[in-house]
Amino acid sequence: MKLQNFDPVVRHKTSRASRVVRAILLIVLWLFVALVVFANISFSLGWYSDGLVSLYLVLNLQPHANNNLLILIGILLLIVPVYCGWRWHQLTKEARS
């Protein structure tokens, strides 16, 4: 039996408080990631300051890990869209069957 109007996005109603908490959590996590990436890029470019060194000590980062972190970010930027496309294809193929 073929489904009409296939929409693979699951929608359910969540409370406003739950959405606000999720939004705050995601914003805080992305700000932390941006801070770590900024610190790594700054050290790669040779920008040294007392605040940046303190940030490295607080976050326990390692200067030689800069390249590894940037490579990991690049790999993830390639893998995530490929996986999303593959998953979308699988979902639409199941709906047509």
N, C-alpha and C. Protein backbone atom coordinates (compact mmCIF):
# COMPACT_ATOMS: atom_id res chain seq x y z
N MET A 1 0.84 -1.18 0.00
CA MET A 1 0.00 0.00 0.00
C MET A 1 0.88 1.24 0.00
N LYS A 2 0.67 2.13 -0.90
CA LYS A 2 1.47 3.34 -1.02
C LYS A 2 0.91 4.44 -0.12
N LEU A 3 1.79 5.05 0.66
CA LEU A 3 1.37 6.12 1.55
C LEU A 3 1.27 7.43 0.78
N GLN A 4 0.24 8.18 1.05
CA GLN A 4 0.06 9.48 0.41
C GLN A 4 0.63 10.55 1.32
N ASN A 5 1.17 11.59 0.75
CA ASN A 5 1.70 12.73 1.51
C ASN A 5 2.71 12.30 2.57
N PHE A 6 3.73 11.57 2.16
CA PHE A 6 4.75 11.09 3.10
C PHE A 6 5.54 12.25 3.66
N ASP A 7 5.63 12.30 4.97
CA ASP A 7 6.42 13.31 5.66
C ASP A 7 7.22 12.60 6.75
N PRO A 8 8.55 12.38 6.56
CA PRO A 8 9.32 11.57 7.51
C PRO A 8 9.66 12.27 8.82
N VAL A 9 9.26 13.52 8.99
CA VAL A 9 9.57 14.24 10.21
C VAL A 9 8.51 13.90 11.25
N VAL A 10 8.97 13.40 12.41
CA VAL A 10 8.04 13.07 13.48
C VAL A 10 7.74 14.35 14.25
N ARG A 11 6.48 14.67 14.38
CA ARG A 11 6.09 15.88 15.08
C ARG A 11 5.26 15.52 16.29
N HIS A 12 5.65 16.03 17.41
CA HIS A 12 4.85 15.88 18.62
C HIS A 12 4.96 17.18 19.40
N LYS A 13 3.96 17.44 20.17
CA LYS A 13 3.92 18.71 20.90
C LYS A 13 4.73 18.59 22.18
N THR A 14 5.64 19.53 22.36
CA THR A 14 6.40 19.60 23.60
C THR A 14 6.03 20.90 24.30
N SER A 15 6.25 20.90 25.58
CA SER A 15 5.89 22.09 26.35
C SER A 15 6.86 23.22 26.04
N ARG A 16 6.40 24.42 26.29
CA ARG A 16 7.24 25.60 26.05
C ARG A 16 8.47 25.57 26.95
N ALA A 17 8.31 25.14 28.20
CA ALA A 17 9.44 25.08 29.13
C ALA A 17 10.50 24.10 28.63
N SER A 18 10.06 22.98 28.12
CA SER A 18 11.00 21.99 27.59
C SER A 18 11.77 22.55 26.40
N ARG A 19 11.09 23.28 25.52
CA ARG A 19 11.77 23.88 24.36
C ARG A 19 12.76 24.94 24.79
N VAL A 20 12.42 25.74 25.80
CA VAL A 20 13.32 26.78 26.29
C VAL A 20 14.57 26.15 26.91
N VAL A 21 14.37 25.10 27.71
CA VAL A 21 15.51 24.43 28.34
C VAL A 21 16.42 23.83 27.27
N ARG A 22 15.84 23.19 26.27
CA ARG A 22 16.64 22.62 25.19
C ARG A 22 17.41 23.70 24.43
N ALA A 23 16.74 24.81 24.15
CA ALA A 23 17.39 25.89 23.42
C ALA A 23 18.56 26.46 24.22
N ILE A 24 18.37 26.68 25.50
CA ILE A 24 19.45 27.20 26.35
C ILE A 24 20.61 26.22 26.40
N LEU A 25 20.31 24.94 26.57
CA LEU A 25 21.36 23.93 26.62
C LEU A 25 22.15 23.88 25.31
N LEU A 26 21.45 23.91 24.19
CA LEU A 26 22.15 23.88 22.90
C LEU A 26 22.99 25.13 22.67
N ILE A 27 22.47 26.28 23.06
CA ILE A 27 23.23 27.52 22.91
C ILE A 27 24.50 27.48 23.76
N VAL A 28 24.38 27.01 24.99
CA VAL A 28 25.55 26.92 25.87
C VAL A 28 26.58 25.94 25.30
N LEU A 29 26.12 24.79 24.82
CA LEU A 29 27.05 23.81 24.24
C LEU A 29 27.75 24.36 23.00
N TRP A 30 27.00 25.04 22.12
CA TRP A 30 27.62 25.59 20.92
C TRP A 30 28.58 26.73 21.26
N LEU A 31 28.27 27.52 22.27
CA LEU A 31 29.21 28.56 22.70
C LEU A 31 30.50 27.95 23.23
N PHE A 32 30.39 26.87 23.98
CA PHE A 32 31.58 26.19 24.48
C PHE A 32 32.41 25.64 23.32
N VAL A 33 31.75 25.01 22.35
CA VAL A 33 32.48 24.48 21.19
C VAL A 33 33.16 25.62 20.44
N ALA A 34 32.45 26.73 20.24
CA ALA A 34 33.02 27.88 19.55
C ALA A 34 34.23 28.42 20.32
N LEU A 35 34.15 28.44 21.63
CA LEU A 35 35.27 28.92 22.45
C LEU A 35 36.49 28.03 22.29
N VAL A 36 36.29 26.72 22.30
CA VAL A 36 37.42 25.79 22.13
C VAL A 36 38.01 25.92 20.73
N VAL A 37 37.16 26.01 19.71
CA VAL A 37 37.66 26.16 18.34
C VAL A 37 38.41 27.49 18.20
N PHE A 38 37.86 28.56 18.77
CA PHE A 38 38.54 29.85 18.72
C PHE A 38 39.91 29.78 19.39
N ALA A 39 39.99 29.13 20.54
CA ALA A 39 41.27 29.02 21.23
C ALA A 39 42.27 28.24 20.39
N ASN A 40 41.84 27.16 19.77
CA ASN A 40 42.75 26.36 18.95
C ASN A 40 43.21 27.12 17.71
N ILE A 41 42.30 27.82 17.06
CA ILE A 41 42.68 28.58 15.88
C ILE A 41 43.61 29.74 16.27
N SER A 42 43.34 30.36 17.41
CA SER A 42 44.20 31.46 17.86
C SER A 42 45.63 30.98 18.10
N PHE A 43 45.78 29.83 18.74
CA PHE A 43 47.13 29.30 18.95
C PHE A 43 47.78 28.90 17.63
N SER A 44 46.98 28.39 16.69
CA SER A 44 47.54 28.03 15.39
C SER A 44 48.07 29.25 14.65
N LEU A 45 47.39 30.38 14.82
CA LEU A 45 47.81 31.61 14.14
C LEU A 45 48.88 32.38 14.92
N GLY A 46 49.21 31.89 16.10
CA GLY A 46 50.24 32.54 16.89
C GLY A 46 49.77 33.70 17.72
N TRP A 47 48.49 33.78 17.99
CA TRP A 47 47.95 34.85 18.84
C TRP A 47 48.02 34.38 20.29
N TYR A 48 48.94 34.92 21.04
CA TYR A 48 49.09 34.53 22.44
C TYR A 48 48.73 35.71 23.32
N SER A 49 47.98 35.43 24.36
CA SER A 49 47.68 36.44 25.36
C SER A 49 47.50 35.73 26.70
N ASP A 50 47.50 36.50 27.76
CA ASP A 50 47.32 35.91 29.09
C ASP A 50 45.97 35.21 29.19
N GLY A 51 44.94 35.82 28.65
CA GLY A 51 43.61 35.23 28.70
C GLY A 51 43.53 33.92 27.93
N LEU A 52 44.20 33.88 26.77
CA LEU A 52 44.19 32.66 25.96
C LEU A 52 44.95 31.54 26.64
N VAL A 53 46.08 31.87 27.25
CA VAL A 53 46.84 30.86 27.98
C VAL A 53 46.03 30.35 29.18
N SER A 54 45.35 31.26 29.87
CA SER A 54 44.50 30.85 31.00
C SER A 54 43.38 29.93 30.51
N LEU A 55 42.80 30.26 29.36
CA LEU A 55 41.75 29.42 28.80
C LEU A 55 42.28 28.03 28.51
N TYR A 56 43.48 27.95 27.96
CA TYR A 56 44.08 26.66 27.69
C TYR A 56 44.28 25.87 28.98
N LEU A 57 44.72 26.54 30.04
CA LEU A 57 44.93 25.85 31.31
C LEU A 57 43.60 25.39 31.92
N VAL A 58 42.58 26.24 31.84
CA VAL A 58 41.28 25.89 32.41
C VAL A 58 40.66 24.72 31.65
N LEU A 59 40.71 24.75 30.33
CA LEU A 59 40.11 23.70 29.52
C LEU A 59 41.02 22.49 29.34
N ASN A 60 42.24 22.59 29.84
CA ASN A 60 43.21 21.50 29.75
C ASN A 60 43.44 21.09 28.29
N LEU A 61 43.56 22.08 27.42
CA LEU A 61 43.81 21.82 26.01
C LEU A 61 45.30 21.61 25.79
N GLN A 62 45.63 21.01 24.68
CA GLN A 62 47.01 20.76 24.35
C GLN A 62 47.32 21.45 23.03
N PRO A 63 48.35 22.30 23.00
CA PRO A 63 48.64 23.04 21.76
C PRO A 63 48.87 22.15 20.54
N HIS A 64 49.45 20.97 20.73
CA HIS A 64 49.71 20.12 19.57
C HIS A 64 48.44 19.41 19.08
N ALA A 65 47.34 19.55 19.80
CA ALA A 65 46.09 18.92 19.38
C ALA A 65 45.30 19.79 18.41
N ASN A 66 45.82 20.99 18.10
CA ASN A 66 45.10 21.90 17.20
C ASN A 66 44.76 21.23 15.88
N ASN A 67 45.77 20.67 15.23
CA ASN A 67 45.54 20.07 13.92
C ASN A 67 44.59 18.89 13.99
N ASN A 68 44.73 18.08 15.04
CA ASN A 68 43.84 16.93 15.19
C ASN A 68 42.39 17.37 15.36
N LEU A 69 42.16 18.42 16.12
CA LEU A 69 40.81 18.92 16.32
C LEU A 69 40.24 19.48 15.02
N LEU A 70 41.03 20.23 14.29
CA LEU A 70 40.56 20.80 13.02
C LEU A 70 40.28 19.70 12.00
N ILE A 71 41.10 18.65 11.99
CA ILE A 71 40.86 17.52 11.09
C ILE A 71 39.56 16.82 11.47
N LEU A 72 39.33 16.63 12.76
CA LEU A 72 38.10 15.99 13.23
C LEU A 72 36.87 16.81 12.83
N ILE A 73 36.95 18.12 12.98
CA ILE A 73 35.83 18.99 12.59
C ILE A 73 35.59 18.87 11.08
N GLY A 74 36.64 18.86 10.30
CA GLY A 74 36.50 18.71 8.85
C GLY A 74 35.87 17.39 8.46
N ILE A 75 36.29 16.31 9.11
CA ILE A 75 35.72 14.99 8.82
C ILE A 75 34.24 14.97 9.17
N LEU A 76 33.88 15.54 10.31
CA LEU A 76 32.47 15.58 10.71
C LEU A 76 31.65 16.42 9.75
N LEU A 77 32.23 17.51 9.23
CA LEU A 77 31.52 18.34 8.25
C LEU A 77 31.26 17.57 6.96
N LEU A 78 32.03 16.55 6.67
CA LEU A 78 31.80 15.73 5.49
C LEU A 78 30.85 14.57 5.78
N ILE A 79 31.01 13.94 6.93
CA ILE A 79 30.24 12.73 7.24
C ILE A 79 28.78 13.04 7.53
N VAL A 80 28.50 14.09 8.28
CA VAL A 80 27.11 14.37 8.70
C VAL A 80 26.18 14.60 7.50
N PRO A 81 26.53 15.45 6.53
CA PRO A 81 25.61 15.61 5.38
C PRO A 81 25.44 14.33 4.56
N VAL A 82 26.51 13.54 4.44
CA VAL A 82 26.40 12.29 3.69
C VAL A 82 25.44 11.34 4.40
N TYR A 83 25.57 11.23 5.73
CA TYR A 83 24.67 10.36 6.49
C TYR A 83 23.23 10.86 6.41
N CYS A 84 23.03 12.16 6.51
CA CYS A 84 21.67 12.72 6.43
C CYS A 84 21.04 12.42 5.07
N GLY A 85 21.80 12.58 4.02
CA GLY A 85 21.29 12.27 2.68
C GLY A 85 20.95 10.79 2.53
N TRP A 86 21.83 9.93 3.04
CA TRP A 86 21.57 8.49 2.97
C TRP A 86 20.33 8.13 3.76
N ARG A 87 20.19 8.70 4.96
CA ARG A 87 19.03 8.40 5.80
C ARG A 87 17.74 8.90 5.15
N TRP A 88 17.78 10.08 4.57
CA TRP A 88 16.61 10.63 3.88
C TRP A 88 16.20 9.71 2.73
N HIS A 89 17.19 9.22 1.99
CA HIS A 89 16.92 8.30 0.88
C HIS A 89 16.26 7.02 1.40
N GLN A 90 16.77 6.48 2.50
CA GLN A 90 16.19 5.26 3.07
C GLN A 90 14.75 5.49 3.52
N LEU A 91 14.49 6.62 4.16
CA LEU A 91 13.13 6.91 4.63
C LEU A 91 12.14 7.07 3.47
N THR A 92 12.57 7.77 2.44
CA THR A 92 11.65 7.96 1.30
C THR A 92 11.46 6.65 0.53
N LYS A 93 12.49 5.80 0.49
CA LYS A 93 12.36 4.52 -0.19
C LYS A 93 11.38 3.61 0.56
N GLU A 94 11.43 3.64 1.89
CA GLU A 94 10.50 2.84 2.69
C GLU A 94 9.06 3.32 2.50
N ALA A 95 8.90 4.61 2.35
CA ALA A 95 7.55 5.17 2.21
C ALA A 95 6.94 4.79 0.86
N ARG A 96 7.76 4.67 -0.15
CA ARG A 96 7.25 4.30 -1.48
C ARG A 96 6.88 2.84 -1.57
N SER A 97 7.48 2.01 -0.73
CA SER A 97 7.20 0.56 -0.79
C SER A 97 5.85 0.21 -0.25
